[in-house]
Amino acid sequence: MHAEHLETTFGVGPDTISVPRICPADDISTQDFPDAISDDIFCKIVAVIRIAVPYTGMIISTRENQAVREKALHLGISQISGGSRTSVGGYTEDVRPTDTEQFDVSDQRSLDEVIEWLMELGFLPSFCTACYRAGRTGDRFMELCKSKQIQNCCHPNALLTLKEYLEDYASPATKALGEKLVQAELPNIPQEKVREVCIERLQKIAQGERDFRF
């Protein structure tokens, strides 16, 4: 109903929807909340939201454990975090600080481990922020999403940004897996010209150039 209201009033629906729930924290136990949502109901909510607003990005955080995150990915989640830290200055520390965390992080794997996991599950990780930078927001973004034309940008941008990650940050195992995935995905770009440009830019990224986008 809220999505319908946004559409009617402003001409655009929600850009993203997150699905937080009561989780353990420093001074909070889920046992204090008898109506807290179970894993099964949580996943059902994800599925229902995906059916209701198929064009909207859906976010799940590292507060959920790996098993729940994996199940939710197959039900409609499209954005997922990795390597999150909730303590002040946590990202500047080599080892995760645990005494100052604002709340528990259930999935404590590194970003590299999450990226490798996603690819092993058959997903294509993307670090793309091109739409925001190109001004494809609001009604422009919604029109592209609902017509499925956004795929012409999202897919090649996912390959380009993943390639940058593989070159600059990935472990050897993740890089090897990612390189195979990039090559396997290239034929799935339907427009020949876009595919050719993408291949050219992938080669330039390997040579040290950065920040390409469609």
C-alpha atoms as a PDB file:
ATOM      1  CA  MET A   1       0.000   0.000   0.000  1.00  0.00           C
ATOM      2  CA  HIS A   2       2.870   2.365   0.744  1.00  0.00           C
ATOM      3  CA  ALA A   3       4.414   1.597  -2.659  1.00  0.00           C
ATOM      4  CA  GLU A   4       1.079   2.315  -4.335  1.00  0.00           C
ATOM      5  CA  HIS A   5       0.822   5.607  -2.426  1.00  0.00           C
ATOM      6  CA  LEU A   6       4.302   6.643  -3.588  1.00  0.00           C
ATOM      7  CA  GLU A   7       3.394   5.774  -7.174  1.00  0.00           C
ATOM      8  CA  THR A   8       0.130   7.705  -7.036  1.00  0.00           C
ATOM      9  CA  THR A   9       1.485  10.753  -5.222  1.00  0.00           C
ATOM     10  CA  PHE A  10       4.990  11.102  -6.634  1.00  0.00           C
ATOM     11  CA  GLY A  11       4.986   8.934  -9.741  1.00  0.00           C
ATOM     12  CA  VAL A  12       7.749   6.657  -8.423  1.00  0.00           C
ATOM     13  CA  GLY A  13       7.817   3.661  -6.135  1.00  0.00           C
ATOM     14  CA  PRO A  14      10.431   2.697  -3.545  1.00  0.00           C
ATOM     15  CA  ASP A  15      14.008   2.507  -4.792  1.00  0.00           C
ATOM     16  CA  THR A  16      15.041  -0.024  -2.146  1.00  0.00           C
ATOM     17  CA  ILE A  17      13.443  -1.861   0.768  1.00  0.00           C
ATOM     18  CA  SER A  18      15.394  -3.291   3.689  1.00  0.00           C
ATOM     19  CA  VAL A  19      14.151  -6.059   5.947  1.00  0.00           C
ATOM     20  CA  PRO A  20      15.510  -5.547   9.481  1.00  0.00           C
ATOM     21  CA  ARG A  21      14.163  -7.474  12.458  1.00  0.00           C
ATOM     22  CA  ILE A  22      14.886  -7.774  16.182  1.00  0.00           C
ATOM     23  CA  CYS A  23      18.371  -9.281  16.573  1.00  0.00           C
ATOM     24  CA  PRO A  24      20.673  -9.718  19.574  1.00  0.00           C
ATOM     25  CA  ALA A  25      22.608  -6.649  20.740  1.00  0.00           C
ATOM     26  CA  ASP A  26      24.784  -5.754  23.724  1.00  0.00           C
ATOM     27  CA  ASP A  27      21.858  -5.210  26.082  1.00  0.00           C
ATOM     28  CA  ILE A  28      19.039  -6.906  24.165  1.00  0.00           C
ATOM     29  CA  SER A  29      18.037 -10.556  23.970  1.00  0.00           C
ATOM     30  CA  THR A  30      15.538 -11.792  21.419  1.00  0.00           C
ATOM     31  CA  GLN A  31      13.983 -13.842  24.235  1.00  0.00           C
ATOM     32  CA  ASP A  32      12.638 -10.549  25.618  1.00  0.00           C
ATOM     33  CA  PHE A  33      10.505 -10.209  22.479  1.00  0.00           C
ATOM     34  CA  PRO A  34       8.074 -13.138  22.259  1.00  0.00           C
ATOM     35  CA  ASP A  35       6.655 -11.811  18.989  1.00  0.00           C
ATOM     36  CA  ALA A  36      10.057 -11.590  17.281  1.00  0.00           C
ATOM     37  CA  ILE A  37       9.982 -12.945  13.737  1.00  0.00           C
ATOM     38  CA  SER A  38      11.235 -16.484  13.106  1.00  0.00           C
ATOM     39  CA  ASP A  39      13.559 -17.347  10.213  1.00  0.00           C
ATOM     40  CA  ASP A  40      10.704 -18.926   8.236  1.00  0.00           C
ATOM     41  CA  ILE A  41       8.417 -15.907   8.637  1.00  0.00           C
ATOM     42  CA  PHE A  42      11.306 -13.570   7.831  1.00  0.00           C
ATOM     43  CA  CYS A  43      11.957 -15.390   4.553  1.00  0.00           C
ATOM     44  CA  LYS A  44       8.233 -15.383   3.772  1.00  0.00           C
ATOM     45  CA  ILE A  45       8.180 -11.591   4.227  1.00  0.00           C
ATOM     46  CA  VAL A  46      11.082 -11.278   1.788  1.00  0.00           C
ATOM     47  CA  ALA A  47       9.228 -13.374  -0.784  1.00  0.00           C
ATOM     48  CA  VAL A  48       5.966 -11.446  -0.385  1.00  0.00           C
ATOM     49  CA  ILE A  49       7.693  -8.071  -0.747  1.00  0.00           C
ATOM     50  CA  ARG A  50       9.472  -9.290  -3.863  1.00  0.00           C
ATOM     51  CA  ILE A  51       6.164 -10.336  -5.428  1.00  0.00           C
ATOM     52  CA  ALA A  52       4.518  -7.039  -4.438  1.00  0.00           C
ATOM     53  CA  VAL A  53       7.256  -4.754  -5.807  1.00  0.00           C
ATOM     54  CA  PRO A  54       9.302  -6.734  -8.346  1.00  0.00           C
ATOM     55  CA  TYR A  55      11.199  -3.655  -9.546  1.00  0.00           C
ATOM     56  CA  THR A  56      12.553  -2.652  -6.132  1.00  0.00           C
ATOM     57  CA  GLY A  57      15.989  -3.442  -4.728  1.00  0.00           C
ATOM     58  CA  MET A  58      15.863  -5.452  -1.501  1.00  0.00           C
ATOM     59  CA  ILE A  59      18.592  -5.294   1.141  1.00  0.00           C
ATOM     60  CA  ILE A  60      19.723  -7.777   3.778  1.00  0.00           C
ATOM     61  CA  SER A  61      22.512  -7.013   6.245  1.00  0.00           C
ATOM     62  CA  THR A  62      25.175  -8.997   8.067  1.00  0.00           C
ATOM     63  CA  ARG A  63      22.948  -9.039  11.150  1.00  0.00           C
ATOM     64  CA  GLU A  64      21.405 -12.134   9.557  1.00  0.00           C
ATOM     65  CA  ASN A  65      23.435 -15.342   9.551  1.00  0.00           C
ATOM     66  CA  GLN A  66      24.809 -16.993   6.451  1.00  0.00           C
ATOM     67  CA  ALA A  67      22.062 -19.614   6.183  1.00  0.00           C
ATOM     68  CA  VAL A  68      19.243 -17.053   6.327  1.00  0.00           C
ATOM     69  CA  ARG A  69      21.031 -14.757   3.896  1.00  0.00           C
ATOM     70  CA  GLU A  70      21.505 -17.577   1.415  1.00  0.00           C
ATOM     71  CA  LYS A  71      17.843 -18.560   1.549  1.00  0.00           C
ATOM     72  CA  ALA A  72      16.732 -14.930   1.225  1.00  0.00           C
ATOM     73  CA  LEU A  73      18.946 -14.418  -1.828  1.00  0.00           C
ATOM     74  CA  HIS A  74      16.931 -17.049  -3.678  1.00  0.00           C
ATOM     75  CA  LEU A  75      13.666 -15.400  -2.606  1.00  0.00           C
ATOM     76  CA  GLY A  76      14.295 -11.863  -3.821  1.00  0.00           C
ATOM     77  CA  ILE A  77      17.153 -10.123  -2.022  1.00  0.00           C
ATOM     78  CA  SER A  78      19.255  -8.135  -4.492  1.00  0.00           C
ATOM     79  CA  GLN A  79      21.651  -6.190  -2.241  1.00  0.00           C
ATOM     80  CA  ILE A  80      23.803  -7.773   0.446  1.00  0.00           C
ATOM     81  CA  SER A  81      26.551  -6.473   2.685  1.00  0.00           C
ATOM     82  CA  GLY A  82      29.833  -8.127   3.604  1.00  0.00           C
ATOM     83  CA  GLY A  83      32.632  -7.472   6.046  1.00  0.00           C
ATOM     84  CA  SER A  84      30.468  -5.071   8.063  1.00  0.00           C
ATOM     85  CA  ARG A  85      31.696  -3.617  11.350  1.00  0.00           C
ATOM     86  CA  THR A  86      29.472  -1.804  13.828  1.00  0.00           C
ATOM     87  CA  SER A  87      32.006  -0.343  16.249  1.00  0.00           C
ATOM     88  CA  VAL A  88      33.194   3.259  16.003  1.00  0.00           C
ATOM     89  CA  GLY A  89      36.320   3.287  13.842  1.00  0.00           C
ATOM     90  CA  GLY A  90      35.938  -0.436  13.265  1.00  0.00           C
ATOM     91  CA  TYR A  91      37.020  -0.328   9.636  1.00  0.00           C
ATOM     92  CA  THR A  92      40.397   1.158  10.595  1.00  0.00           C
ATOM     93  CA  GLU A  93      41.300  -1.873  12.729  1.00  0.00           C
ATOM     94  CA  ASP A  94      43.054  -4.955  11.354  1.00  0.00           C
ATOM     95  CA  VAL A  95      41.110  -7.180  13.747  1.00  0.00           C
ATOM     96  CA  ARG A  96      37.368  -6.776  14.285  1.00  0.00           C
ATOM     97  CA  PRO A  97      36.748  -4.921  17.591  1.00  0.00           C
ATOM     98  CA  THR A  98      34.149  -6.762  19.642  1.00  0.00           C
ATOM     99  CA  ASP A  99      34.047  -4.722  22.858  1.00  0.00           C
ATOM    100  CA  THR A 100      32.598  -1.572  21.253  1.00  0.00           C
ATOM    101  CA  GLU A 101      30.181  -3.043  18.699  1.00  0.00           C
ATOM    102  CA  GLN A 102      26.765  -1.369  18.583  1.00  0.00           C
ATOM    103  CA  PHE A 103      25.113  -4.720  17.810  1.00  0.00           C
ATOM    104  CA  ASP A 104      26.075  -8.257  16.911  1.00  0.00           C
ATOM    105  CA  VAL A 105      27.114  -9.154  13.380  1.00  0.00           C
ATOM    106  CA  SER A 106      25.993 -12.711  12.692  1.00  0.00           C
ATOM    107  CA  ASP A 107      27.774 -13.093   9.360  1.00  0.00           C
ATOM    108  CA  GLN A 108      31.358 -12.191  10.224  1.00  0.00           C
ATOM    109  CA  ARG A 109      32.971 -13.291   6.980  1.00  0.00           C
ATOM    110  CA  SER A 110      35.231 -10.886   5.131  1.00  0.00           C
ATOM    111  CA  LEU A 111      34.056  -9.106   1.997  1.00  0.00           C
ATOM    112  CA  ASP A 112      36.258 -11.373  -0.087  1.00  0.00           C
ATOM    113  CA  GLU A 113      34.675 -14.463   1.447  1.00  0.00           C
ATOM    114  CA  VAL A 114      31.191 -13.106   0.760  1.00  0.00           C
ATOM    115  CA  ILE A 115      32.071 -12.286  -2.860  1.00  0.00           C
ATOM    116  CA  GLU A 116      33.484 -15.774  -3.417  1.00  0.00           C
ATOM    117  CA  TRP A 117      30.411 -17.308  -1.765  1.00  0.00           C
ATOM    118  CA  LEU A 118      28.030 -15.332  -3.989  1.00  0.00           C
ATOM    119  CA  MET A 119      29.841 -16.463  -7.130  1.00  0.00           C
ATOM    120  CA  GLU A 120      29.847 -20.077  -5.964  1.00  0.00           C
ATOM    121  CA  LEU A 121      26.072 -19.782  -5.549  1.00  0.00           C
ATOM    122  CA  GLY A 122      25.804 -18.619  -9.157  1.00  0.00           C
ATOM    123  CA  PHE A 123      25.248 -14.910  -8.508  1.00  0.00           C
ATOM    124  CA  LEU A 124      27.060 -12.041 -10.236  1.00  0.00           C
ATOM    125  CA  PRO A 125      28.343  -9.573  -7.602  1.00  0.00           C
ATOM    126  CA  SER A 126      28.156  -5.918  -8.580  1.00  0.00           C
ATOM    127  CA  PHE A 127      29.680  -2.820  -6.991  1.00  0.00           C
ATOM    128  CA  CYS A 128      27.920  -0.489  -9.420  1.00  0.00           C
ATOM    129  CA  THR A 129      26.792   3.025  -8.439  1.00  0.00           C
ATOM    130  CA  ALA A 130      26.432   4.276 -12.018  1.00  0.00           C
ATOM    131  CA  CYS A 131      22.751   5.238 -11.858  1.00  0.00           C
ATOM    132  CA  TYR A 132      23.289   7.681  -9.016  1.00  0.00           C
ATOM    133  CA  ARG A 133      26.309   9.185 -10.715  1.00  0.00           C
ATOM    134  CA  ALA A 134      24.596   9.422 -14.096  1.00  0.00           C
ATOM    135  CA  GLY A 135      21.410  10.935 -12.676  1.00  0.00           C
ATOM    136  CA  ARG A 136      19.321   7.868 -13.446  1.00  0.00           C
ATOM    137  CA  THR A 137      17.174   8.308 -10.354  1.00  0.00           C
ATOM    138  CA  GLY A 138      13.521   8.911  -9.495  1.00  0.00           C
ATOM    139  CA  ASP A 139      11.122   8.511 -12.395  1.00  0.00           C
ATOM    140  CA  ARG A 140      13.971   7.911 -14.860  1.00  0.00           C
ATOM    141  CA  PHE A 141      15.179   4.965 -12.821  1.00  0.00           C
ATOM    142  CA  MET A 142      11.671   3.574 -12.318  1.00  0.00           C
ATOM    143  CA  GLU A 143      10.916   3.711 -16.033  1.00  0.00           C
ATOM    144  CA  LEU A 144      14.086   1.779 -16.825  1.00  0.00           C
ATOM    145  CA  CYS A 145      13.382  -0.781 -14.097  1.00  0.00           C
ATOM    146  CA  LYS A 146       9.783  -1.460 -14.992  1.00  0.00           C
ATOM    147  CA  SER A 147      10.590  -1.779 -18.699  1.00  0.00           C
ATOM    148  CA  LYS A 148      13.548  -4.033 -17.807  1.00  0.00           C
ATOM    149  CA  GLN A 149      15.817  -1.773 -19.870  1.00  0.00           C
ATOM    150  CA  ILE A 150      17.949  -1.208 -16.766  1.00  0.00           C
ATOM    151  CA  GLN A 151      19.477  -4.618 -17.508  1.00  0.00           C
ATOM    152  CA  ASN A 152      21.345  -3.021 -20.419  1.00  0.00           C
ATOM    153  CA  CYS A 153      23.234  -0.946 -17.843  1.00  0.00           C
ATOM    154  CA  CYS A 154      23.255  -3.211 -14.794  1.00  0.00           C
ATOM    155  CA  HIS A 155      24.711  -6.302 -16.392  1.00  0.00           C
ATOM    156  CA  PRO A 156      27.782  -4.776 -18.101  1.00  0.00           C
ATOM    157  CA  ASN A 157      28.352  -2.456 -15.128  1.00  0.00           C
ATOM    158  CA  ALA A 158      28.348  -5.464 -12.821  1.00  0.00           C
ATOM    159  CA  LEU A 159      31.074  -7.067 -14.937  1.00  0.00           C
ATOM    160  CA  LEU A 160      33.166  -3.891 -14.988  1.00  0.00           C
ATOM    161  CA  THR A 161      32.932  -3.226 -11.260  1.00  0.00           C
ATOM    162  CA  LEU A 162      33.541  -6.864 -10.389  1.00  0.00           C
ATOM    163  CA  LYS A 163      36.627  -6.800 -12.624  1.00  0.00           C
ATOM    164  CA  GLU A 164      37.947  -3.772 -10.713  1.00  0.00           C
ATOM    165  CA  TYR A 165      37.430  -5.584  -7.412  1.00  0.00           C
ATOM    166  CA  LEU A 166      39.181  -8.688  -8.716  1.00  0.00           C
ATOM    167  CA  GLU A 167      42.161  -6.657  -9.889  1.00  0.00           C
ATOM    168  CA  ASP A 168      42.534  -4.496  -6.785  1.00  0.00           C
ATOM    169  CA  TYR A 169      41.312  -6.445  -3.764  1.00  0.00           C
ATOM    170  CA  ALA A 170      40.441 -10.093  -4.389  1.00  0.00           C
ATOM    171  CA  SER A 171      42.313 -13.076  -3.027  1.00  0.00           C
ATOM    172  CA  PRO A 172      43.864 -15.399  -5.662  1.00  0.00           C
ATOM    173  CA  ALA A 173      41.039 -17.937  -5.291  1.00  0.00           C
ATOM    174  CA  THR A 174      38.317 -15.301  -5.587  1.00  0.00           C
ATOM    175  CA  LYS A 175      40.047 -13.686  -8.549  1.00  0.00           C
ATOM    176  CA  ALA A 176      40.325 -16.983 -10.409  1.00  0.00           C
ATOM    177  CA  LEU A 177      36.648 -17.738  -9.833  1.00  0.00           C
ATOM    178  CA  GLY A 178      35.636 -14.202 -10.774  1.00  0.00           C
ATOM    179  CA  GLU A 179      37.596 -14.152 -14.015  1.00  0.00           C
ATOM    180  CA  LYS A 180      35.812 -17.307 -15.139  1.00  0.00           C
ATOM    181  CA  LEU A 181      32.451 -15.784 -14.228  1.00  0.00           C
ATOM    182  CA  VAL A 182      33.142 -12.557 -16.132  1.00  0.00           C
ATOM    183  CA  GLN A 183      34.050 -14.480 -19.274  1.00  0.00           C
ATOM    184  CA  ALA A 184      31.001 -16.730 -18.922  1.00  0.00           C
ATOM    185  CA  GLU A 185      28.690 -13.718 -18.541  1.00  0.00           C
ATOM    186  CA  LEU A 186      29.946 -11.724 -21.530  1.00  0.00           C
ATOM    187  CA  PRO A 187      27.917 -13.695 -24.113  1.00  0.00           C
ATOM    188  CA  ASN A 188      24.781 -12.930 -22.085  1.00  0.00           C
ATOM    189  CA  ILE A 189      24.991  -9.227 -22.988  1.00  0.00           C
ATOM    190  CA  PRO A 190      22.330  -9.112 -25.731  1.00  0.00           C
ATOM    191  CA  GLN A 191      23.446  -5.976 -27.600  1.00  0.00           C
ATOM    192  CA  GLU A 192      26.558  -6.630 -29.678  1.00  0.00           C
ATOM    193  CA  LYS A 193      27.838  -3.047 -29.467  1.00  0.00           C
ATOM    194  CA  VAL A 194      27.486  -2.980 -25.679  1.00  0.00           C
ATOM    195  CA  ARG A 195      29.247  -6.331 -25.466  1.00  0.00           C
ATOM    196  CA  GLU A 196      32.144  -5.084 -27.596  1.00  0.00           C
ATOM    197  CA  VAL A 197      32.546  -1.935 -25.512  1.00  0.00           C
ATOM    198  CA  CYS A 198      32.398  -3.967 -22.326  1.00  0.00           C
ATOM    199  CA  ILE A 199      35.145  -6.320 -23.536  1.00  0.00           C
ATOM    200  CA  GLU A 200      37.292  -3.333 -24.481  1.00  0.00           C
ATOM    201  CA  ARG A 201      36.819  -1.739 -21.062  1.00  0.00           C
ATOM    202  CA  LEU A 202      37.553  -4.998 -19.253  1.00  0.00           C
ATOM    203  CA  GLN A 203      40.875  -5.107 -21.058  1.00  0.00           C
ATOM    204  CA  LYS A 204      41.618  -1.507 -20.057  1.00  0.00           C
ATOM    205  CA  ILE A 205      40.818  -2.314 -16.414  1.00  0.00           C
ATOM    206  CA  ALA A 206      43.319  -5.179 -16.558  1.00  0.00           C
ATOM    207  CA  GLN A 207      45.875  -2.623 -17.813  1.00  0.00           C
ATOM    208  CA  GLY A 208      45.246  -0.321 -14.859  1.00  0.00           C
ATOM    209  CA  GLU A 209      42.477   2.038 -15.988  1.00  0.00           C
ATOM    210  CA  ARG A 210      39.440   2.486 -13.731  1.00  0.00           C
ATOM    211  CA  ASP A 211      35.957   3.934 -13.372  1.00  0.00           C
ATOM    212  CA  PHE A 212      34.103   2.884 -16.516  1.00  0.00           C
ATOM    213  CA  ARG A 213      30.329   2.750 -16.591  1.00  0.00           C
ATOM    214  CA  PHE A 214      27.361   2.471 -18.920  1.00  0.00           C
END
